[in-house]
Amino acid sequence: MNDMSPHRVPPPDMSSAEALHPKERRSRRFAWVGMAASILLFGASVVVLWHLVSEIDVNELKSAFTAASLRQIGLAVLFTAVSYGLLTCYDAIALRQLKLHIPYRTTALASFTSYAVSFTLGFPLLTAGTVRYWIYSTKGISGARVASLTVIAGVTFWLGMTLVLAWSMMSRADAVASLVYTNIWVNQLIGLAAAVFVVGYMIWVSIKRRIVKIQGWKLELPGFRLSVAQILIGAVDVCAGAGVLFVLLPGGHNISFDTFLAVYIFAVMLGVASHAPGGLGVFEATILLALSSYPREPILGALLLYRLCYYLVPFVIALALLGAYEVRNRIKSSRDAFKPDEDEGEEALPS
């Protein structure tokens, strides 16, 4: 074939990058840029965190860690339970949108374990999706449906967090400005933009059915009613998660809860953007910077207790539940495997 032919096959030694479609090359470039930005954010947060904690007295930190009262710990555990309980509603809404009928006990197990694992290990689409598939696949749900469920649950989280951010930034713009050293009008503008996004999204999904394409497969987004449920559940969940840390803060800080919500949400967003497991380091650095006018040791002690209550304990419980779930499935499979043999033996007995 002539080399000038438009249908010439690329030579075998052509690099895979050159053979990629232009859209695929752009997608890879954006992926690398996103990864570089995440690494940069994580690295900068580690440097800031190290600078903040380098002057902390270890003995004072131990005292701050053990200074929490039983009431504070009890409230933190209660808010943690409320938050994880609401997270099970994320999966329930997604299953309803996908028209899948799964018993709530299965939904609760899949939701709690997937979030407890992904919060601690990071990379939620991979870790949470894997745990969900492990549990939901036994009910006949395909991997594509599990991926759709994970995306819808993620939409619930971000809608709720955006609504709370809008309310906090607009209602407490002056108090937030004093903590993060920004202008009041900038905070109000951020809150207004978040509110416009939520309202715009609600109008967008209300006009007609919205179908988005992700990696070649289609996903229908929830309509108006389910979207309202998503926003409300997500908002209460974010408030409960923030409440865990808020009740653990040392007394006398004079920060209102609605002001603290804005700081908490920014810390969570930066932690997610960094792709660090559980936002580790980035979350703490953000909180310490925002509360830099207060003693660091008590704040860091509260952050350590928060990690223990909201991340470590649920993670250990989730691993235990997954282990028990797998043992139960193995025992059930063994019983099912022996059952036909027993039936055949009974049939073979003489009358």
Protein backbone atom coordinates (compact mmCIF):
# COMPACT_ATOMS: atom_id res chain seq x y z
CA MET A 1 0.00 0.00 0.00
CA ASN A 2 1.22 3.49 -0.85
CA ASP A 3 2.61 5.37 2.12
CA MET A 4 0.58 8.43 1.12
CA SER A 5 -2.72 6.56 1.46
CA PRO A 6 -5.08 8.15 4.03
CA HIS A 7 -5.90 4.66 5.32
CA ARG A 8 -2.30 3.73 6.07
CA VAL A 9 -1.99 1.59 9.20
CA PRO A 10 0.34 3.12 11.84
CA PRO A 11 3.70 1.38 12.03
CA PRO A 12 4.04 -1.22 14.78
CA ASP A 13 6.67 0.80 16.66
CA MET A 14 4.39 3.81 17.01
CA SER A 15 4.11 4.78 20.68
CA SER A 16 0.81 4.20 22.46
CA ALA A 17 0.60 7.91 23.37
CA GLU A 18 0.73 8.89 19.68
CA ALA A 19 -1.93 6.31 18.81
CA LEU A 20 -4.37 7.71 21.34
CA HIS A 21 -7.39 9.72 20.24
CA PRO A 22 -6.96 13.48 20.86
CA LYS A 23 -9.75 13.41 23.50
CA GLU A 24 -8.02 10.55 25.28
CA ARG A 25 -4.73 12.43 25.27
CA ARG A 26 -6.44 15.51 26.74
CA SER A 27 -8.12 13.34 29.35
CA ARG A 28 -4.76 11.87 30.35
CA ARG A 29 -3.18 15.31 30.54
CA PHE A 30 -6.00 16.56 32.79
CA ALA A 31 -5.61 13.45 34.95
CA TRP A 32 -1.90 14.15 35.37
CA VAL A 33 -2.59 17.82 36.14
CA GLY A 34 -5.19 16.82 38.72
CA MET A 35 -2.82 14.33 40.30
CA ALA A 36 -0.01 16.90 40.42
CA ALA A 37 -2.34 19.45 42.02
CA SER A 38 -3.44 16.91 44.64
CA ILE A 39 0.17 15.99 45.47
CA LEU A 40 1.09 19.70 45.67
CA LEU A 41 -1.86 20.42 47.97
CA PHE A 42 -1.04 17.46 50.19
CA GLY A 43 2.65 18.39 50.34
CA ALA A 44 1.91 22.03 51.17
CA SER A 45 -0.54 20.95 53.89
CA VAL A 46 2.04 18.62 55.42
CA VAL A 47 4.58 21.47 55.52
CA VAL A 48 2.03 23.82 57.11
CA LEU A 49 0.92 21.15 59.59
CA TRP A 50 4.52 20.40 60.55
CA HIS A 51 5.18 24.09 61.08
CA LEU A 52 2.07 24.39 63.24
CA VAL A 53 2.74 21.36 65.44
CA SER A 54 6.53 21.71 65.70
CA GLU A 55 6.20 24.14 68.61
CA ILE A 56 3.60 22.08 70.47
CA ASP A 57 4.52 20.75 73.88
CA VAL A 58 3.96 16.97 73.93
CA ASN A 59 2.98 16.92 77.61
CA GLU A 60 0.41 19.65 77.05
CA LEU A 61 -0.91 17.73 74.06
CA LYS A 62 -1.35 14.59 76.17
CA SER A 63 -3.19 16.63 78.76
CA ALA A 64 -5.44 18.14 76.07
CA PHE A 65 -6.15 14.71 74.62
CA THR A 66 -7.25 13.33 77.98
CA ALA A 67 -9.06 16.49 79.11
CA ALA A 68 -12.26 15.71 77.20
CA SER A 69 -15.17 15.06 79.53
CA LEU A 70 -17.45 12.03 79.36
CA ARG A 71 -20.20 14.37 78.15
CA GLN A 72 -18.06 15.54 75.23
CA ILE A 73 -17.12 11.99 74.26
CA GLY A 74 -20.72 10.83 74.61
CA LEU A 75 -21.98 13.62 72.35
CA ALA A 76 -19.22 12.89 69.82
CA VAL A 77 -20.22 9.21 69.71
CA LEU A 78 -23.89 10.20 69.35
CA PHE A 79 -23.21 12.58 66.46
CA THR A 80 -21.00 9.93 64.82
CA ALA A 81 -23.85 7.42 65.03
CA VAL A 82 -26.29 9.98 63.57
CA SER A 83 -23.92 10.77 60.70
CA TYR A 84 -23.31 7.15 59.74
CA GLY A 85 -27.01 6.39 60.14
CA LEU A 86 -27.83 9.15 57.65
CA LEU A 87 -25.16 7.80 55.30
CA THR A 88 -27.24 4.62 54.94
CA CYS A 89 -29.98 6.86 53.51
CA TYR A 90 -27.57 7.83 50.71
CA ASP A 91 -27.64 4.25 49.45
CA ALA A 92 -31.39 3.95 50.05
CA ILE A 93 -32.05 6.98 47.82
CA ALA A 94 -29.69 5.68 45.13
CA LEU A 95 -31.34 2.23 45.16
CA ARG A 96 -34.75 3.84 44.80
CA GLN A 97 -33.52 5.90 41.86
CA LEU A 98 -32.14 2.73 40.23
CA LYS A 99 -35.44 0.89 40.99
CA LEU A 100 -33.65 -1.80 42.98
CA HIS A 101 -35.36 -3.45 45.95
CA ILE A 102 -32.81 -4.44 48.57
CA PRO A 103 -33.55 -5.16 52.26
CA TYR A 104 -32.53 -2.28 54.49
CA ARG A 105 -30.24 -4.48 56.59
CA THR A 106 -28.19 -5.16 53.46
CA THR A 107 -28.26 -1.49 52.49
CA ALA A 108 -27.15 -0.43 55.97
CA LEU A 109 -24.28 -2.95 55.99
CA ALA A 110 -23.06 -1.95 52.52
CA SER A 111 -23.34 1.77 53.22
CA PHE A 112 -21.76 1.80 56.68
CA THR A 113 -18.83 -0.45 55.77
CA SER A 114 -18.14 1.26 52.43
CA TYR A 115 -18.05 4.74 53.99
CA ALA A 116 -16.07 3.66 57.06
CA VAL A 117 -13.46 2.06 54.80
CA SER A 118 -13.32 4.84 52.19
CA PHE A 119 -13.16 7.62 54.81
CA THR A 120 -10.07 6.00 56.28
CA LEU A 121 -8.31 4.70 53.16
CA GLY A 122 -9.30 7.46 50.72
CA PHE A 123 -10.07 7.08 46.98
CA PRO A 124 -13.84 6.68 47.65
CA LEU A 125 -14.86 5.71 44.11
CA LEU A 126 -12.48 2.74 44.28
CA THR A 127 -12.68 1.69 47.94
CA ALA A 128 -16.37 2.40 48.55
CA GLY A 129 -17.31 0.92 45.18
CA THR A 130 -15.36 -2.26 45.90
CA VAL A 131 -16.97 -2.80 49.31
CA ARG A 132 -20.43 -2.08 47.93
CA TYR A 133 -19.91 -4.53 45.07
CA TRP A 134 -18.73 -7.20 47.51
CA ILE A 135 -22.06 -6.96 49.36
CA TYR A 136 -24.55 -5.96 46.66
CA SER A 137 -23.30 -8.52 44.12
CA THR A 138 -24.70 -11.29 46.33
CA LYS A 139 -28.12 -9.74 45.68
CA GLY A 140 -27.62 -9.86 41.91
CA ILE A 141 -26.63 -6.21 41.39
CA SER A 142 -24.14 -5.72 38.59
CA GLY A 143 -20.92 -3.75 38.79
CA ALA A 144 -22.35 -1.00 36.56
CA ARG A 145 -25.31 -0.57 38.91
CA VAL A 146 -22.98 -0.41 41.91
CA ALA A 147 -20.95 2.29 40.16
CA SER A 148 -24.15 4.24 39.46
CA LEU A 149 -25.17 3.87 43.09
CA THR A 150 -21.80 5.18 44.27
CA VAL A 151 -22.06 8.24 42.00
CA ILE A 152 -25.61 9.07 43.16
CA ALA A 153 -24.52 8.74 46.78
CA GLY A 154 -21.64 11.12 46.05
CA VAL A 155 -24.08 13.63 44.54
CA THR A 156 -26.11 13.49 47.77
CA PHE A 157 -23.04 14.32 49.84
CA TRP A 158 -21.95 17.25 47.69
CA LEU A 159 -25.44 18.75 47.38
CA GLY A 160 -25.90 18.67 51.14
CA MET A 161 -22.47 20.14 51.81
CA THR A 162 -22.99 22.91 49.25
CA LEU A 163 -26.31 23.90 50.82
CA VAL A 164 -24.80 24.07 54.32
CA LEU A 165 -21.85 26.07 52.98
CA ALA A 166 -24.20 28.55 51.32
CA TRP A 167 -26.16 29.06 54.53
CA SER A 168 -23.08 29.38 56.74
CA MET A 169 -21.18 31.75 54.47
CA MET A 170 -24.13 34.10 53.97
CA SER A 171 -25.46 34.09 57.53
CA ARG A 172 -22.09 34.26 59.33
CA ALA A 173 -19.92 36.01 56.76
CA ASP A 174 -18.46 38.42 59.32
CA ALA A 175 -17.54 35.71 61.86
CA VAL A 176 -16.01 33.50 59.16
CA ALA A 177 -13.99 36.47 57.86
CA SER A 178 -12.44 36.97 61.30
CA LEU A 179 -11.28 33.33 61.35
CA VAL A 180 -9.96 32.88 57.82
CA TYR A 181 -8.91 36.50 57.22
CA THR A 182 -11.14 37.20 54.22
CA ASN A 183 -13.53 40.02 53.39
CA ILE A 184 -17.18 39.77 54.37
CA TRP A 185 -18.34 40.43 50.81
CA VAL A 186 -16.08 37.63 49.51
CA ASN A 187 -17.68 35.19 51.93
CA GLN A 188 -21.15 36.36 50.99
CA LEU A 189 -20.27 35.98 47.32
CA ILE A 190 -19.07 32.41 47.91
CA GLY A 191 -22.27 31.63 49.82
CA LEU A 192 -24.40 33.16 47.10
CA ALA A 193 -22.58 31.18 44.41
CA ALA A 194 -23.14 27.96 46.38
CA ALA A 195 -26.84 28.78 46.80
CA VAL A 196 -27.21 29.57 43.09
CA PHE A 197 -25.56 26.25 42.26
CA VAL A 198 -28.02 24.29 44.43
CA VAL A 199 -31.06 26.17 43.09
CA GLY A 200 -29.80 25.84 39.52
CA TYR A 201 -29.25 22.12 39.94
CA MET A 202 -32.77 21.67 41.33
CA ILE A 203 -34.28 23.55 38.40
CA TRP A 204 -32.10 21.59 35.96
CA VAL A 205 -33.24 18.17 37.19
CA SER A 206 -36.86 19.34 37.53
CA ILE A 207 -37.39 20.41 33.92
CA LYS A 208 -36.86 16.94 32.44
CA ARG A 209 -35.05 13.66 32.98
CA ARG A 210 -31.31 14.24 33.09
CA ILE A 211 -28.95 11.55 31.88
CA VAL A 212 -25.20 11.92 32.21
CA LYS A 213 -22.51 9.81 30.60
CA ILE A 214 -19.59 8.60 32.70
CA GLN A 215 -16.84 6.47 31.16
CA GLY A 216 -19.17 5.19 28.45
CA TRP A 217 -22.18 4.28 30.61
CA LYS A 218 -25.33 6.33 31.18
CA LEU A 219 -26.75 7.41 34.52
CA GLU A 220 -30.15 8.99 35.08
CA LEU A 221 -30.02 11.56 37.86
CA PRO A 222 -32.78 11.72 40.50
CA GLY A 223 -35.69 14.05 39.82
CA PHE A 224 -37.00 16.90 41.98
CA ARG A 225 -38.44 14.91 44.89
CA LEU A 226 -35.48 12.61 45.37
CA SER A 227 -33.10 15.55 44.90
CA VAL A 228 -34.84 17.42 47.75
CA ALA A 229 -34.40 14.33 49.93
CA GLN A 230 -30.74 14.16 48.86
CA ILE A 231 -30.10 17.78 49.83
CA LEU A 232 -31.82 17.57 53.21
CA ILE A 233 -30.22 14.26 54.23
CA GLY A 234 -26.80 15.38 53.01
CA ALA A 235 -27.10 18.68 54.87
CA VAL A 236 -28.05 17.05 58.18
CA ASP A 237 -25.26 14.49 57.75
CA VAL A 238 -22.66 17.23 57.21
CA CYS A 239 -23.93 19.05 60.31
CA ALA A 240 -23.70 15.84 62.35
CA GLY A 241 -20.14 15.21 61.13
CA ALA A 242 -19.15 18.77 62.03
CA GLY A 243 -20.88 18.34 65.37
CA VAL A 244 -18.49 15.51 66.28
CA LEU A 245 -15.49 17.84 66.16
CA PHE A 246 -17.35 20.87 67.49
CA VAL A 247 -18.34 19.20 70.78
CA LEU A 248 -14.75 18.00 71.26
CA LEU A 249 -13.28 21.50 71.00
CA PRO A 250 -12.09 22.93 74.32
CA GLY A 251 -14.46 25.25 76.13
CA GLY A 252 -14.21 29.02 75.87
CA HIS A 253 -13.59 29.24 72.14
CA ASN A 254 -16.73 31.39 71.59
CA ILE A 255 -17.22 30.05 68.05
CA SER A 256 -20.83 29.48 67.04
CA PHE A 257 -21.72 26.20 65.37
CA ASP A 258 -22.95 27.81 62.15
CA THR A 259 -19.63 29.68 61.88
CA PHE A 260 -17.65 26.53 62.54
CA LEU A 261 -19.60 24.76 59.77
CA ALA A 262 -17.93 26.89 57.08
CA VAL A 263 -14.45 26.12 58.44
CA TYR A 264 -15.27 22.41 58.68
CA ILE A 265 -16.61 22.24 55.11
CA PHE A 266 -13.56 24.01 53.67
CA ALA A 267 -11.34 21.57 55.57
CA VAL A 268 -13.29 18.61 54.19
CA MET A 269 -13.18 19.98 50.63
CA LEU A 270 -9.43 20.52 50.75
CA GLY A 271 -8.99 17.04 52.22
CA VAL A 272 -10.99 15.52 49.38
CA ALA A 273 -9.07 17.55 46.80
CA SER A 274 -5.75 16.32 48.20
CA HIS A 275 -6.77 12.64 47.79
CA ALA A 276 -4.98 11.96 51.08
CA PRO A 277 -6.59 9.07 53.01
CA GLY A 278 -9.35 10.69 55.02
CA GLY A 279 -7.86 14.09 54.17
CA LEU A 280 -5.19 13.29 56.76
CA GLY A 281 -2.91 16.26 57.37
CA VAL A 282 -4.80 18.59 55.04
CA PHE A 283 -7.94 18.60 57.21
CA GLU A 284 -5.96 19.16 60.40
CA ALA A 285 -3.82 21.91 58.87
CA THR A 286 -6.92 23.79 57.71
CA ILE A 287 -8.62 23.59 61.11
CA LEU A 288 -5.45 24.64 62.94
CA LEU A 289 -4.96 27.60 60.60
CA ALA A 290 -8.57 28.74 60.96
CA LEU A 291 -8.37 28.45 64.76
CA SER A 292 -4.82 29.79 65.02
CA SER A 293 -5.86 32.41 67.57
CA TYR A 294 -6.57 29.63 70.08
CA PRO A 295 -4.05 27.39 71.90
CA ARG A 296 -2.85 24.68 69.52
CA GLU A 297 -2.53 21.81 71.97
CA PRO A 298 -6.24 21.64 72.93
CA ILE A 299 -7.30 22.03 69.29
CA LEU A 300 -4.94 19.28 68.14
CA GLY A 301 -6.13 17.07 71.00
CA ALA A 302 -9.72 17.59 69.81
CA LEU A 303 -8.66 16.70 66.25
CA LEU A 304 -7.04 13.47 67.45
CA LEU A 305 -10.19 12.52 69.36
CA TYR A 306 -12.24 13.37 66.27
CA ARG A 307 -10.10 11.01 64.18
CA LEU A 308 -10.59 8.31 66.77
CA CYS A 309 -14.38 8.71 67.03
CA TYR A 310 -15.30 9.39 63.42
CA TYR A 311 -12.67 7.41 61.51
CA LEU A 312 -10.78 4.77 63.47
CA VAL A 313 -13.59 3.24 65.57
CA PRO A 314 -16.06 2.95 62.64
CA PHE A 315 -13.24 1.55 60.47
CA VAL A 316 -12.49 -1.21 63.00
CA ILE A 317 -16.21 -2.00 63.37
CA ALA A 318 -16.58 -2.10 59.57
CA LEU A 319 -13.70 -4.57 59.23
CA ALA A 320 -15.26 -6.77 61.91
CA LEU A 321 -18.65 -6.66 60.17
CA LEU A 322 -17.11 -7.48 56.79
CA GLY A 323 -15.23 -10.39 58.34
CA ALA A 324 -18.40 -11.71 59.99
CA TYR A 325 -20.29 -11.23 56.72
CA GLU A 326 -17.71 -13.25 54.79
CA VAL A 327 -17.66 -16.04 57.41
CA ARG A 328 -21.46 -16.20 57.31
CA ASN A 329 -21.43 -16.46 53.51
CA ARG A 330 -18.80 -19.22 53.62
CA ILE A 331 -20.81 -21.22 56.16
CA LYS A 332 -23.96 -20.79 54.12
CA SER A 333 -22.18 -21.87 50.94
CA SER A 334 -20.82 -24.96 52.70
CA ARG A 335 -24.29 -25.90 53.92
CA ASP A 336 -25.74 -25.43 50.44
CA ALA A 337 -22.96 -27.56 48.97
CA PHE A 338 -23.68 -30.48 51.33
CA LYS A 339 -27.45 -30.24 51.11
CA PRO A 340 -27.84 -31.95 47.67
CA ASP A 341 -25.67 -34.86 48.82
CA GLU A 342 -27.85 -35.36 51.87
CA ASP A 343 -30.98 -35.31 49.74
CA GLU A 344 -29.50 -37.89 47.38
CA GLY A 345 -28.58 -40.09 50.36
CA GLU A 346 -32.14 -39.94 51.65
CA GLU A 347 -33.51 -40.90 48.24
CA ALA A 348 -31.14 -43.85 48.10
CA LEU A 349 -32.41 -45.35 51.37
CA PRO A 350 -34.59 -48.50 50.94
CA SER A 351 -38.25 -48.08 51.66
